[in-house]
């Protein structure tokens, strides 16, 4: 299960706090939430402090988001390695 909440919001950026696991069934929800804020011309920061697991669909989405300027913050070394290895 994935929980998404707004940790911080101002006129320029939004920080989304993610909790739980990001798996195929939740990827679309995360993408929808991020696209909402990107459409509003906000800098999007995803706080990964409370994320325990990501699957390959989530890694693919995160790599696309990074290419679009979405910041991934407080990400574990394990998740960073997954993102690099899926090159």
PDB file of N, CA and C in Angstrom:
ATOM      1  N   UNK A   1       0.838  -1.182   0.000  1.00  0.00           N
ATOM      2  CA  UNK A   1       0.000   0.000   0.000  1.00  0.00           C
ATOM      3  C   UNK A   1       0.878   1.238   0.000  1.00  0.00           C
ATOM      4  N   UNK A   2       0.423   2.270  -0.673  1.00  0.00           N
ATOM      5  CA  UNK A   2       1.131   3.540  -0.750  1.00  0.00           C
ATOM      6  C   UNK A   2       0.253   4.646  -0.217  1.00  0.00           C
ATOM      7  N   UNK A   3       0.833   5.461   0.633  1.00  0.00           N
ATOM      8  CA  UNK A   3       0.137   6.651   1.124  1.00  0.00           C
ATOM      9  C   UNK A   3       0.894   7.864   0.619  1.00  0.00           C
ATOM     10  N   UNK A   4       0.172   8.825   0.052  1.00  0.00           N
ATOM     11  CA  UNK A   4       0.754  10.059  -0.464  1.00  0.00           C
ATOM     12  C   UNK A   4       0.108  11.219   0.290  1.00  0.00           C
ATOM     13  N   UNK A   5       0.938  12.066   0.886  1.00  0.00           N
ATOM     14  CA  UNK A   5       0.410  13.240   1.575  1.00  0.00           C
ATOM     15  C   UNK A   5       1.286  14.450   1.263  1.00  0.00           C
ATOM     16  N   UNK A   6       0.719  15.615   1.410  1.00  0.00           N
ATOM     17  CA  UNK A   6       1.461  16.845   1.161  1.00  0.00           C
ATOM     18  C   UNK A   6       2.190  17.220   2.445  1.00  0.00           C
ATOM     19  N   UNK A   7       3.528  17.224   2.389  1.00  0.00           N
ATOM     20  CA  UNK A   7       4.339  17.579   3.551  1.00  0.00           C
ATOM     21  C   UNK A   7       4.601  19.077   3.589  1.00  0.00           C
ATOM     22  N   UNK A   8       4.661  19.690   2.408  1.00  0.00           N
ATOM     23  CA  UNK A   8       4.943  21.124   2.302  1.00  0.00           C
ATOM     24  C   UNK A   8       4.400  21.603   0.970  1.00  0.00           C
ATOM     25  N   UNK A   9       3.843  22.800   0.971  1.00  0.00           N
ATOM     26  CA  UNK A   9       3.365  23.385  -0.277  1.00  0.00           C
ATOM     27  C   UNK A   9       3.516  24.894  -0.202  1.00  0.00           C
ATOM     28  N   UNK A  10       4.083  25.462  -1.261  1.00  0.00           N
ATOM     29  CA  UNK A  10       4.105  26.910  -1.395  1.00  0.00           C
ATOM     30  C   UNK A  10       3.920  27.224  -2.872  1.00  0.00           C
ATOM     31  N   UNK A  11       4.017  28.450  -3.252  1.00  0.00           N
ATOM     32  CA  UNK A  11       3.770  28.838  -4.634  1.00  0.00           C
ATOM     33  C   UNK A  11       4.719  28.245  -5.644  1.00  0.00           C
ATOM     34  N   UNK A  12       5.896  27.834  -5.204  1.00  0.00           N
ATOM     35  CA  UNK A  12       6.905  27.352  -6.139  1.00  0.00           C
ATOM     36  C   UNK A  12       7.064  25.836  -6.145  1.00  0.00           C
ATOM     37  N   UNK A  13       6.818  25.190  -5.015  1.00  0.00           N
ATOM     38  CA  UNK A  13       7.069  23.750  -4.956  1.00  0.00           C
ATOM     39  C   UNK A  13       6.125  23.051  -3.998  1.00  0.00           C
ATOM     40  N   UNK A  14       6.070  21.728  -4.180  1.00  0.00           N
ATOM     41  CA  UNK A  14       5.300  20.875  -3.288  1.00  0.00           C
ATOM     42  C   UNK A  14       6.171  19.670  -2.941  1.00  0.00           C
ATOM     43  N   UNK A  15       6.153  19.314  -1.664  1.00  0.00           N
ATOM     44  CA  UNK A  15       6.853  18.119  -1.210  1.00  0.00           C
ATOM     45  C   UNK A  15       5.791  17.080  -0.880  1.00  0.00           C
ATOM     46  N   UNK A  16       5.867  15.962  -1.581  1.00  0.00           N
ATOM     47  CA  UNK A  16       4.932  14.864  -1.333  1.00  0.00           C
ATOM     48  C   UNK A  16       5.630  13.804  -0.500  1.00  0.00           C
ATOM     49  N   UNK A  17       5.052  13.498   0.638  1.00  0.00           N
ATOM     50  CA  UNK A  17       5.579  12.462   1.520  1.00  0.00           C
ATOM     51  C   UNK A  17       4.965  11.135   1.103  1.00  0.00           C
ATOM     52  N   UNK A  18       5.835  10.171   0.810  1.00  0.00           N
ATOM     53  CA  UNK A  18       5.390   8.843   0.405  1.00  0.00           C
ATOM     54  C   UNK A  18       5.654   7.866   1.537  1.00  0.00           C
ATOM     55  N   UNK A  19       4.692   6.987   1.792  1.00  0.00           N
ATOM     56  CA  UNK A  19       4.834   5.995   2.857  1.00  0.00           C
ATOM     57  C   UNK A  19       4.369   4.638   2.339  1.00  0.00           C
ATOM     58  N   UNK A  20       5.139   3.604   2.663  1.00  0.00           N
ATOM     59  CA  UNK A  20       4.749   2.249   2.299  1.00  0.00           C
ATOM     60  C   UNK A  20       5.552   1.708   1.142  1.00  0.00           C
ATOM     61  N   UNK A  21       4.867   1.031   0.241  1.00  0.00           N
ATOM     62  CA  UNK A  21       5.491   0.401  -0.919  1.00  0.00           C
ATOM     63  C   UNK A  21       4.925   1.009  -2.195  1.00  0.00           C
ATOM     64  N   UNK A  22       5.797   1.157  -3.186  1.00  0.00           N
ATOM     65  CA  UNK A  22       5.338   1.634  -4.487  1.00  0.00           C
ATOM     66  C   UNK A  22       5.444   0.457  -5.440  1.00  0.00           C
ATOM     67  N   UNK A  23       4.297  -0.124  -5.715  1.00  0.00           N
ATOM     68  CA  UNK A  23       4.213  -1.291  -6.583  1.00  0.00           C
ATOM     69  C   UNK A  23       3.305  -0.969  -7.765  1.00  0.00           C
ATOM     70  N   UNK A  24       3.286  -1.850  -8.732  1.00  0.00           N
ATOM     71  CA  UNK A  24       2.551  -1.638  -9.983  1.00  0.00           C
ATOM     72  C   UNK A  24       1.152  -1.077  -9.763  1.00  0.00           C
ATOM     73  N   UNK A  25       0.438  -1.609  -8.792  1.00  0.00           N
ATOM     74  CA  UNK A  25      -0.938  -1.171  -8.573  1.00  0.00           C
ATOM     75  C   UNK A  25      -1.051   0.264  -8.084  1.00  0.00           C
ATOM     76  N   UNK A  26       0.040   0.851  -7.569  1.00  0.00           N
ATOM     77  CA  UNK A  26       0.020   2.217  -7.040  1.00  0.00           C
ATOM     78  C   UNK A  26       0.747   3.221  -7.938  1.00  0.00           C
ATOM     79  N   UNK A  27       1.431   2.734  -8.959  1.00  0.00           N
ATOM     80  CA  UNK A  27       2.214   3.608  -9.840  1.00  0.00           C
ATOM     81  C   UNK A  27       1.333   4.660 -10.505  1.00  0.00           C
ATOM     82  N   UNK A  28       0.175   4.251 -10.990  1.00  0.00           N
ATOM     83  CA  UNK A  28      -0.719   5.191 -11.668  1.00  0.00           C
ATOM     84  C   UNK A  28      -1.176   6.299 -10.727  1.00  0.00           C
ATOM     85  N   UNK A  29      -1.454   5.961  -9.486  1.00  0.00           N
ATOM     86  CA  UNK A  29      -1.883   6.974  -8.507  1.00  0.00           C
ATOM     87  C   UNK A  29      -0.761   7.982  -8.244  1.00  0.00           C
ATOM     88  N   UNK A  30       0.466   7.498  -8.089  1.00  0.00           N
ATOM     89  CA  UNK A  30       1.604   8.398  -7.876  1.00  0.00           C
ATOM     90  C   UNK A  30       1.813   9.275  -9.097  1.00  0.00           C
ATOM     91  N   UNK A  31       1.722   8.698 -10.270  1.00  0.00           N
ATOM     92  CA  UNK A  31       1.900   9.492 -11.486  1.00  0.00           C
ATOM     93  C   UNK A  31       0.822  10.566 -11.595  1.00  0.00           C
ATOM     94  N   UNK A  32      -0.413  10.217 -11.320  1.00  0.00           N
ATOM     95  CA  UNK A  32      -1.514  11.178 -11.373  1.00  0.00           C
ATOM     96  C   UNK A  32      -1.273  12.349 -10.416  1.00  0.00           C
ATOM     97  N   UNK A  33      -0.847  12.040  -9.203  1.00  0.00           N
ATOM     98  CA  UNK A  33      -0.597  13.091  -8.209  1.00  0.00           C
ATOM     99  C   UNK A  33       0.541  14.011  -8.658  1.00  0.00           C
ATOM    100  N   UNK A  34       1.613  13.440  -9.139  1.00  0.00           N
ATOM    101  CA  UNK A  34       2.746  14.257  -9.597  1.00  0.00           C
ATOM    102  C   UNK A  34       2.372  15.089 -10.809  1.00  0.00           C
ATOM    103  N   UNK A  35       1.667  14.498 -11.757  1.00  0.00           N
ATOM    104  CA  UNK A  35       1.260  15.233 -12.962  1.00  0.00           C
ATOM    105  C   UNK A  35       0.357  16.412 -12.609  1.00  0.00           C
ATOM    106  N   UNK A  36      -0.489  16.236 -11.601  1.00  0.00           N
ATOM    107  CA  UNK A  36      -1.347  17.329 -11.136  1.00  0.00           C
ATOM    108  C   UNK A  36      -0.505  18.541 -10.746  1.00  0.00           C
ATOM    109  N   UNK A  37       0.519  18.313  -9.932  1.00  0.00           N
ATOM    110  CA  UNK A  37       1.358  19.410  -9.453  1.00  0.00           C
ATOM    111  C   UNK A  37       2.258  19.966 -10.554  1.00  0.00           C
ATOM    112  N   UNK A  38       2.762  19.104 -11.415  1.00  0.00           N
ATOM    113  CA  UNK A  38       3.583  19.573 -12.532  1.00  0.00           C
ATOM    114  C   UNK A  38       2.763  20.450 -13.478  1.00  0.00           C
ATOM    115  N   UNK A  39       1.506  20.098 -13.690  1.00  0.00           N
ATOM    116  CA  UNK A  39       0.628  20.898 -14.543  1.00  0.00           C
ATOM    117  C   UNK A  39       0.379  22.283 -13.948  1.00  0.00           C
ATOM    118  N   UNK A  40       0.491  22.379 -12.630  1.00  0.00           N
ATOM    119  CA  UNK A  40       0.333  23.662 -11.940  1.00  0.00           C
ATOM    120  C   UNK A  40       1.658  24.423 -11.873  1.00  0.00           C
ATOM    121  N   UNK A  41       2.658  23.928 -12.611  1.00  0.00           N
ATOM    122  CA  UNK A  41       3.986  24.561 -12.703  1.00  0.00           C
ATOM    123  C   UNK A  41       4.713  24.594 -11.366  1.00  0.00           C
ATOM    124  N   UNK A  42       4.532  23.567 -10.564  1.00  0.00           N
ATOM    125  CA  UNK A  42       5.215  23.450  -9.279  1.00  0.00           C
ATOM    126  C   UNK A  42       6.423  22.535  -9.409  1.00  0.00           C
ATOM    127  N   UNK A  43       7.457  22.831  -8.673  1.00  0.00           N
ATOM    128  CA  UNK A  43       8.589  21.910  -8.513  1.00  0.00           C
ATOM    129  C   UNK A  43       8.087  20.813  -7.590  1.00  0.00           C
ATOM    130  N   UNK A  44       8.245  19.563  -7.996  1.00  0.00           N
ATOM    131  CA  UNK A  44       7.761  18.431  -7.205  1.00  0.00           C
ATOM    132  C   UNK A  44       8.951  17.722  -6.563  1.00  0.00           C
ATOM    133  N   UNK A  45       8.857  17.539  -5.248  1.00  0.00           N
ATOM    134  CA  UNK A  45       9.847  16.784  -4.490  1.00  0.00           C
ATOM    135  C   UNK A  45       9.127  15.588  -3.874  1.00  0.00           C
ATOM    136  N   UNK A  46       9.672  14.401  -4.118  1.00  0.00           N
ATOM    137  CA  UNK A  46       9.108  13.181  -3.522  1.00  0.00           C
ATOM    138  C   UNK A  46       9.994  12.780  -2.351  1.00  0.00           C
ATOM    139  N   UNK A  47       9.432  12.783  -1.151  1.00  0.00           N
ATOM    140  CA  UNK A  47      10.178  12.396   0.039  1.00  0.00           C
ATOM    141  C   UNK A  47       9.993  10.903   0.262  1.00  0.00           C
ATOM    142  N   UNK A  48      11.102  10.176   0.160  1.00  0.00           N
ATOM    143  CA  UNK A  48      11.087   8.716   0.229  1.00  0.00           C
ATOM    144  C   UNK A  48      11.468   8.162   1.595  1.00  0.00           C
ATOM    145  N   UNK A  49      11.531   8.987   2.611  1.00  0.00           N
ATOM    146  CA  UNK A  49      11.997   8.532   3.922  1.00  0.00           C
ATOM    147  C   UNK A  49      11.246   7.303   4.420  1.00  0.00           C
ATOM    148  N   UNK A  50       9.942   7.228   4.168  1.00  0.00           N
ATOM    149  CA  UNK A  50       9.109   6.147   4.703  1.00  0.00           C
ATOM    150  C   UNK A  50       8.755   5.074   3.664  1.00  0.00           C
ATOM    151  N   UNK A  51       9.464   5.061   2.531  1.00  0.00           N
ATOM    152  CA  UNK A  51       9.195   4.050   1.500  1.00  0.00           C
ATOM    153  C   UNK A  51      10.032   2.817   1.785  1.00  0.00           C
ATOM    154  N   UNK A  52       9.383   1.653   1.849  1.00  0.00           N
ATOM    155  CA  UNK A  52      10.064   0.399   2.170  1.00  0.00           C
ATOM    156  C   UNK A  52      10.467  -0.398   0.939  1.00  0.00           C
ATOM    157  N   UNK A  53       9.708  -0.244  -0.145  1.00  0.00           N
ATOM    158  CA  UNK A  53       9.925  -1.105  -1.307  1.00  0.00           C
ATOM    159  C   UNK A  53       9.425  -0.425  -2.565  1.00  0.00           C
ATOM    160  N   UNK A  54      10.115  -0.660  -3.684  1.00  0.00           N
ATOM    161  CA  UNK A  54       9.626  -0.255  -5.003  1.00  0.00           C
ATOM    162  C   UNK A  54       9.819  -1.434  -5.958  1.00  0.00           C
ATOM    163  N   UNK A  55       8.888  -1.600  -6.884  1.00  0.00           N
ATOM    164  CA  UNK A  55       9.057  -2.657  -7.887  1.00  0.00           C
ATOM    165  C   UNK A  55       9.560  -2.043  -9.189  1.00  0.00           C
ATOM    166  N   UNK A  56       9.701  -2.870 -10.216  1.00  0.00           N
ATOM    167  CA  UNK A  56      10.292  -2.396 -11.478  1.00  0.00           C
ATOM    168  C   UNK A  56       9.417  -1.338 -12.154  1.00  0.00           C
ATOM    169  N   UNK A  57       8.110  -1.423 -12.032  1.00  0.00           N
ATOM    170  CA  UNK A  57       7.226  -0.401 -12.613  1.00  0.00           C
ATOM    171  C   UNK A  57       7.440   0.941 -11.920  1.00  0.00           C
ATOM    172  N   UNK A  58       7.626   0.911 -10.617  1.00  0.00           N
ATOM    173  CA  UNK A  58       7.880   2.140  -9.867  1.00  0.00           C
ATOM    174  C   UNK A  58       9.228   2.733 -10.244  1.00  0.00           C
ATOM    175  N   UNK A  59      10.234   1.899 -10.380  1.00  0.00           N
ATOM    176  CA  UNK A  59      11.566   2.381 -10.765  1.00  0.00           C
ATOM    177  C   UNK A  59      11.502   3.060 -12.128  1.00  0.00           C
ATOM    178  N   UNK A  60      10.792   2.472 -13.069  1.00  0.00           N
ATOM    179  CA  UNK A  60      10.652   3.073 -14.404  1.00  0.00           C
ATOM    180  C   UNK A  60       9.990   4.446 -14.319  1.00  0.00           C
ATOM    181  N   UNK A  61       8.942   4.558 -13.508  1.00  0.00           N
ATOM    182  CA  UNK A  61       8.265   5.845 -13.329  1.00  0.00           C
ATOM    183  C   UNK A  61       9.206   6.861 -12.696  1.00  0.00           C
ATOM    184  N   UNK A  62       9.931   6.457 -11.679  1.00  0.00           N
ATOM    185  CA  UNK A  62      10.834   7.385 -10.990  1.00  0.00           C
ATOM    186  C   UNK A  62      11.932   7.883 -11.920  1.00  0.00           C
ATOM    187  N   UNK A  63      12.424   7.031 -12.771  1.00  0.00           N
ATOM    188  CA  UNK A  63      13.446   7.448 -13.731  1.00  0.00           C
ATOM    189  C   UNK A  63      12.879   8.470 -14.722  1.00  0.00           C
ATOM    190  N   UNK A  64      11.650   8.265 -15.164  1.00  0.00           N
ATOM    191  CA  UNK A  64      11.008   9.251 -16.050  1.00  0.00           C
ATOM    192  C   UNK A  64      10.822  10.577 -15.323  1.00  0.00           C
ATOM    193  N   UNK A  65      10.373  10.492 -14.086  1.00  0.00           N
ATOM    194  CA  UNK A  65      10.184  11.712 -13.304  1.00  0.00           C
ATOM    195  C   UNK A  65      11.492  12.467 -13.106  1.00  0.00           C
ATOM    196  N   UNK A  66      12.545  11.759 -12.781  1.00  0.00           N
ATOM    197  CA  UNK A  66      13.846  12.424 -12.622  1.00  0.00           C
ATOM    198  C   UNK A  66      14.242  13.159 -13.897  1.00  0.00           C
ATOM    199  N   UNK A  67      14.006  12.549 -15.041  1.00  0.00           N
ATOM    200  CA  UNK A  67      14.320  13.175 -16.325  1.00  0.00           C
ATOM    201  C   UNK A  67      13.488  14.439 -16.554  1.00  0.00           C
ATOM    202  N   UNK A  68      12.328  14.521 -15.908  1.00  0.00           N
ATOM    203  CA  UNK A  68      11.441  15.677 -16.025  1.00  0.00           C
ATOM    204  C   UNK A  68      11.696  16.714 -14.927  1.00  0.00           C
ATOM    205  N   UNK A  69      12.672  16.465 -14.069  1.00  0.00           N
ATOM    206  CA  UNK A  69      13.013  17.438 -13.037  1.00  0.00           C
ATOM    207  C   UNK A  69      12.389  17.206 -11.677  1.00  0.00           C
ATOM    208  N   UNK A  70      11.676  16.104 -11.501  1.00  0.00           N
ATOM    209  CA  UNK A  70      11.125  15.777 -10.187  1.00  0.00           C
ATOM    210  C   UNK A  70      12.283  15.343  -9.294  1.00  0.00           C
ATOM    211  N   UNK A  71      12.342  15.898  -8.089  1.00  0.00           N
ATOM    212  CA  UNK A  71      13.419  15.564  -7.148  1.00  0.00           C
ATOM    213  C   UNK A  71      12.987  14.402  -6.258  1.00  0.00           C
ATOM    214  N   UNK A  72      13.876  13.457  -6.095  1.00  0.00           N
ATOM    215  CA  UNK A  72      13.617  12.328  -5.202  1.00  0.00           C
ATOM    216  C   UNK A  72      14.524  12.509  -3.992  1.00  0.00           C
ATOM    217  N   UNK A  73      13.920  12.774  -2.837  1.00  0.00           N
ATOM    218  CA  UNK A  73      14.663  13.111  -1.632  1.00  0.00           C
ATOM    219  C   UNK A  73      14.591  11.993  -0.598  1.00  0.00           C
ATOM    220  N   UNK A  74      15.632  11.902   0.203  1.00  0.00           N
ATOM    221  CA  UNK A  74      15.716  10.960   1.321  1.00  0.00           C
ATOM    222  C   UNK A  74      15.453   9.518   0.880  1.00  0.00           C
ATOM    223  N   UNK A  75      16.012   9.184  -0.246  1.00  0.00           N
ATOM    224  CA  UNK A  75      15.846   7.860  -0.830  1.00  0.00           C
ATOM    225  C   UNK A  75      16.899   6.917  -0.254  1.00  0.00           C
ATOM    226  N   UNK A  76      16.523   5.696   0.038  1.00  0.00           N
ATOM    227  CA  UNK A  76      17.472   4.725   0.584  1.00  0.00           C
ATOM    228  C   UNK A  76      18.514   4.350  -0.461  1.00  0.00           C
ATOM    229  N   UNK A  77      19.642   3.884   0.002  1.00  0.00           N
ATOM    230  CA  UNK A  77      20.707   3.434  -0.899  1.00  0.00           C
ATOM    231  C   UNK A  77      20.218   2.278  -1.765  1.00  0.00           C
ATOM    232  N   UNK A  78      19.388   1.430  -1.207  1.00  0.00           N
ATOM    233  CA  UNK A  78      18.842   0.297  -1.954  1.00  0.00           C
ATOM    234  C   UNK A  78      18.015   0.757  -3.150  1.00  0.00           C
ATOM    235  N   UNK A  79      17.125   1.717  -2.926  1.00  0.00           N
ATOM    236  CA  UNK A  79      16.276   2.213  -4.017  1.00  0.00           C
ATOM    237  C   UNK A  79      17.118   2.966  -5.038  1.00  0.00           C
ATOM    238  N   UNK A  80      18.097   3.745  -4.569  1.00  0.00           N
ATOM    239  CA  UNK A  80      19.004   4.429  -5.508  1.00  0.00           C
ATOM    240  C   UNK A  80      19.723   3.421  -6.390  1.00  0.00           C
ATOM    241  N   UNK A  81      20.175   2.326  -5.793  1.00  0.00           N
ATOM    242  CA  UNK A  81      20.888   1.294  -6.559  1.00  0.00           C
ATOM    243  C   UNK A  81      19.957   0.660  -7.600  1.00  0.00           C
ATOM    244  N   UNK A  82      18.699   0.426  -7.231  1.00  0.00           N
ATOM    245  CA  UNK A  82      17.737  -0.120  -8.183  1.00  0.00           C
ATOM    246  C   UNK A  82      17.567   0.815  -9.378  1.00  0.00           C
ATOM    247  N   UNK A  83      17.515   2.099  -9.112  1.00  0.00           N
ATOM    248  CA  UNK A  83      17.330   3.079 -10.174  1.00  0.00           C
ATOM    249  C   UNK A  83      18.540   3.129 -11.095  1.00  0.00           C
ATOM    250  N   UNK A  84      19.721   2.965 -10.543  1.00  0.00           N
ATOM    251  CA  UNK A  84      20.940   2.962 -11.355  1.00  0.00           C
ATOM    252  C   UNK A  84      21.076   1.668 -12.143  1.00  0.00           C
ATOM    253  N   UNK A  85      20.784   0.555 -11.501  1.00  0.00           N
ATOM    254  CA  UNK A  85      20.956  -0.758 -12.138  1.00  0.00           C
ATOM    255  C   UNK A  85      19.980  -1.004 -13.278  1.00  0.00           C
ATOM    256  N   UNK A  86      18.826  -0.363 -13.230  1.00  0.00           N
ATOM    257  CA  UNK A  86      17.831  -0.622 -14.274  1.00  0.00           C
ATOM    258  C   UNK A  86      18.117   0.173 -15.542  1.00  0.00           C
ATOM    259  N   UNK A  87      19.224   0.915 -15.530  1.00  0.00           N
ATOM    260  CA  UNK A  87      19.745   1.747 -16.569  1.00  0.00           C
ATOM    261  C   UNK A  87      19.157   1.746 -17.863  1.00  0.00           C
TER     262      UNK A  87
END
